[in-house]
């Protein structure tokens, strides 16, 4: 190992000091720096035993950071991409689904705050929430419907 280069454990601690990482993420980031096969696994095992690496904390961190702005499907996709086990993802699913309507209402309120004026505006608002990963039934409940009386003016020959 060259001088002035941090060890694998040092690099891992640097990443962990910035935010929680799953073990899978650390393996992805540190694998290019592994000089001796098995060295990375030993370093990560040691950090895990000492409590520096916790997939549970990594999942909670993602839910806390991203959950206020994104729907359950997007957050769950991020959790799976971090290589978290199915049990950890399932626990996060329950929590996210329970609060999805409230979170979607808050995102809608911050972005739009006023009911749509026509069907096109409603669809735009619905697409925005759907793109953030909120479920279709939740999006339909959050975005106000356009009143039928707004489609016809008093000048209309009908």
Protein backbone atom coordinates (compact mmCIF):
# COMPACT_ATOMS: atom_id res chain seq x y z
CA UNK A 1 0.00 0.00 0.00
CA UNK A 2 1.29 3.41 -0.94
CA UNK A 3 1.90 6.05 1.66
CA UNK A 4 -0.58 8.93 1.86
CA UNK A 5 -3.38 6.61 0.74
CA UNK A 6 -6.07 5.95 3.35
CA UNK A 7 -6.74 2.36 4.27
CA UNK A 8 -9.95 0.66 3.20
CA UNK A 9 -11.26 1.09 6.72
CA UNK A 10 -10.30 4.78 6.65
CA UNK A 11 -12.06 5.29 3.33
CA UNK A 12 -15.15 3.50 4.64
CA UNK A 13 -15.20 5.69 7.75
CA UNK A 14 -14.91 8.78 5.57
CA UNK A 15 -17.98 7.70 3.57
CA UNK A 16 -19.84 6.83 6.76
CA UNK A 17 -19.03 10.22 8.29
CA UNK A 18 -20.94 11.91 5.46
CA UNK A 19 -24.07 9.74 5.62
CA UNK A 20 -25.21 6.22 6.42
CA UNK A 21 -24.20 3.65 3.79
CA UNK A 22 -25.28 0.05 3.43
CA UNK A 23 -22.61 -2.61 3.32
CA UNK A 24 -23.45 -3.18 -0.36
CA UNK A 25 -22.81 0.49 -1.16
CA UNK A 26 -19.46 0.44 0.63
CA UNK A 27 -18.40 -2.69 -1.27
CA UNK A 28 -19.31 -0.96 -4.55
CA UNK A 29 -17.35 2.18 -3.66
CA UNK A 30 -14.30 0.52 -2.10
CA UNK A 31 -13.78 -2.51 -4.35
CA UNK A 32 -11.50 -0.62 -6.76
CA UNK A 33 -9.13 0.15 -3.85
CA UNK A 34 -8.83 -3.44 -2.58
CA UNK A 35 -5.27 -4.63 -3.15
CA UNK A 36 -5.45 -8.03 -1.42
CA UNK A 37 -8.46 -10.29 -2.04
CA UNK A 38 -10.61 -10.53 1.09
CA UNK A 39 -9.12 -7.40 2.66
CA UNK A 40 -12.27 -5.37 2.04
CA UNK A 41 -14.59 -7.98 3.55
CA UNK A 42 -12.45 -8.13 6.69
CA UNK A 43 -12.41 -4.35 7.06
CA UNK A 44 -16.18 -4.11 6.60
CA UNK A 45 -16.78 -7.04 8.98
CA UNK A 46 -14.78 -5.21 11.63
CA UNK A 47 -16.72 -1.97 11.11
CA UNK A 48 -20.02 -3.85 11.21
CA UNK A 49 -19.13 -5.59 14.48
CA UNK A 50 -18.21 -2.21 15.98
CA UNK A 51 -21.58 -0.78 14.89
CA UNK A 52 -20.30 1.64 12.26
CA UNK A 53 -22.20 -0.12 9.47
CA UNK A 54 -25.89 -0.81 9.92
CA UNK A 55 -28.24 -1.60 7.06
CA UNK A 56 -31.15 -0.75 9.37
CA UNK A 57 -29.77 2.75 10.00
CA UNK A 58 -29.06 3.17 6.29
CA UNK A 59 -32.71 2.35 5.50
CA UNK A 60 -33.99 4.71 8.18
CA UNK A 61 -31.75 7.45 6.81
CA UNK A 62 -33.12 7.05 3.28
CA UNK A 63 -36.70 7.05 4.53
CA UNK A 64 -36.04 10.17 6.61
CA UNK A 65 -34.18 12.07 3.86
CA UNK A 66 -36.26 11.09 0.85
CA UNK A 67 -39.63 10.13 2.29
CA UNK A 68 -40.87 13.68 2.74
CA UNK A 69 -40.48 14.43 -0.97
CA UNK A 70 -41.03 11.06 -2.64
CA UNK A 71 -43.69 8.38 -2.74
CA UNK A 72 -43.29 4.87 -1.42
CA UNK A 73 -42.41 3.28 -4.76
CA UNK A 74 -39.48 5.65 -5.41
CA UNK A 75 -38.11 5.32 -1.87
CA UNK A 76 -38.41 1.53 -1.99
CA UNK A 77 -36.60 1.48 -5.32
CA UNK A 78 -33.74 3.43 -3.71
CA UNK A 79 -33.64 1.03 -0.76
CA UNK A 80 -33.41 -1.97 -3.09
CA UNK A 81 -30.67 -0.24 -5.10
CA UNK A 82 -28.66 0.04 -1.89
CA UNK A 83 -28.68 -3.74 -1.60
CA UNK A 84 -30.76 -3.87 1.57
CA UNK A 85 -32.33 -7.19 2.55
CA UNK A 86 -36.01 -7.90 1.92
CA UNK A 87 -36.93 -7.74 5.62
CA UNK A 88 -35.51 -4.23 6.01
CA UNK A 89 -37.24 -3.05 2.82
CA UNK A 90 -40.54 -4.61 3.97
CA UNK A 91 -40.37 -2.76 7.30
CA UNK A 92 -39.82 0.51 5.45
CA UNK A 93 -42.72 -0.31 3.11
CA UNK A 94 -45.17 -0.53 5.99
CA UNK A 95 -44.02 2.82 7.38
CA UNK A 96 -44.09 4.59 4.00
CA UNK A 97 -47.49 3.26 2.93
CA UNK A 98 -49.03 4.33 6.24
CA UNK A 99 -48.02 7.96 5.67
CA UNK A 100 -48.20 8.19 1.87
CA UNK A 101 -51.43 10.22 1.67
CA UNK A 102 -50.22 12.83 4.17
CA UNK A 103 -46.82 13.09 2.48
CA UNK A 104 -48.43 13.43 -0.99
CA UNK A 105 -50.74 16.18 0.28
CA UNK A 106 -47.77 18.09 1.64
CA UNK A 107 -45.78 17.73 -1.60
CA UNK A 108 -48.82 18.88 -3.60
CA UNK A 109 -49.42 21.83 -1.27
CA UNK A 110 -45.79 23.01 -1.55
CA UNK A 111 -45.64 22.65 -5.33
CA UNK A 112 -49.11 23.80 -6.37
CA UNK A 113 -51.21 24.88 -3.38
CA UNK A 114 -54.24 25.81 -5.50
CA UNK A 115 -56.76 23.54 -7.20
CA UNK A 116 -56.28 23.01 -10.93
CA UNK A 117 -58.26 25.35 -13.20
CA UNK A 118 -58.92 22.78 -15.92
CA UNK A 119 -58.42 19.13 -16.80
CA UNK A 120 -54.99 19.77 -18.34
CA UNK A 121 -53.76 21.43 -15.15
CA UNK A 122 -55.14 18.54 -13.09
CA UNK A 123 -53.32 16.02 -15.27
CA UNK A 124 -50.09 18.02 -14.91
CA UNK A 125 -50.42 17.96 -11.12
CA UNK A 126 -51.22 14.25 -11.15
CA UNK A 127 -48.24 13.45 -13.40
CA UNK A 128 -45.97 15.42 -11.08
CA UNK A 129 -47.02 13.39 -8.02
CA UNK A 130 -46.90 10.11 -9.95
CA UNK A 131 -43.40 10.96 -11.13
CA UNK A 132 -42.39 11.40 -7.51
CA UNK A 133 -43.47 7.80 -6.86
CA UNK A 134 -46.83 8.30 -5.20
CA UNK A 135 -49.44 5.59 -5.84
CA UNK A 136 -52.20 6.31 -8.36
CA UNK A 137 -55.03 6.02 -5.86
CA UNK A 138 -53.25 8.46 -3.53
CA UNK A 139 -52.62 10.91 -6.37
CA UNK A 140 -56.31 10.79 -7.30
CA UNK A 141 -57.30 11.59 -3.74
CA UNK A 142 -54.81 14.45 -3.36
CA UNK A 143 -55.33 16.43 -6.56
CA UNK A 144 -58.71 18.21 -6.44
CA UNK A 145 -61.16 17.52 -9.23
CA UNK A 146 -62.04 20.28 -11.65
CA UNK A 147 -65.60 21.50 -11.19
CA UNK A 148 -67.83 20.88 -14.23
CA UNK A 149 -69.28 24.40 -14.04
CA UNK A 150 -65.87 25.85 -14.86
CA UNK A 151 -65.92 24.24 -18.31
CA UNK A 152 -68.92 26.27 -19.50
CA UNK A 153 -69.06 30.03 -19.57
CA UNK A 154 -72.20 32.18 -19.27
CA UNK A 155 -71.75 33.19 -22.94
CA UNK A 156 -71.94 29.61 -24.10
CA UNK A 157 -74.81 28.86 -26.55
CA UNK A 158 -75.58 25.58 -24.76
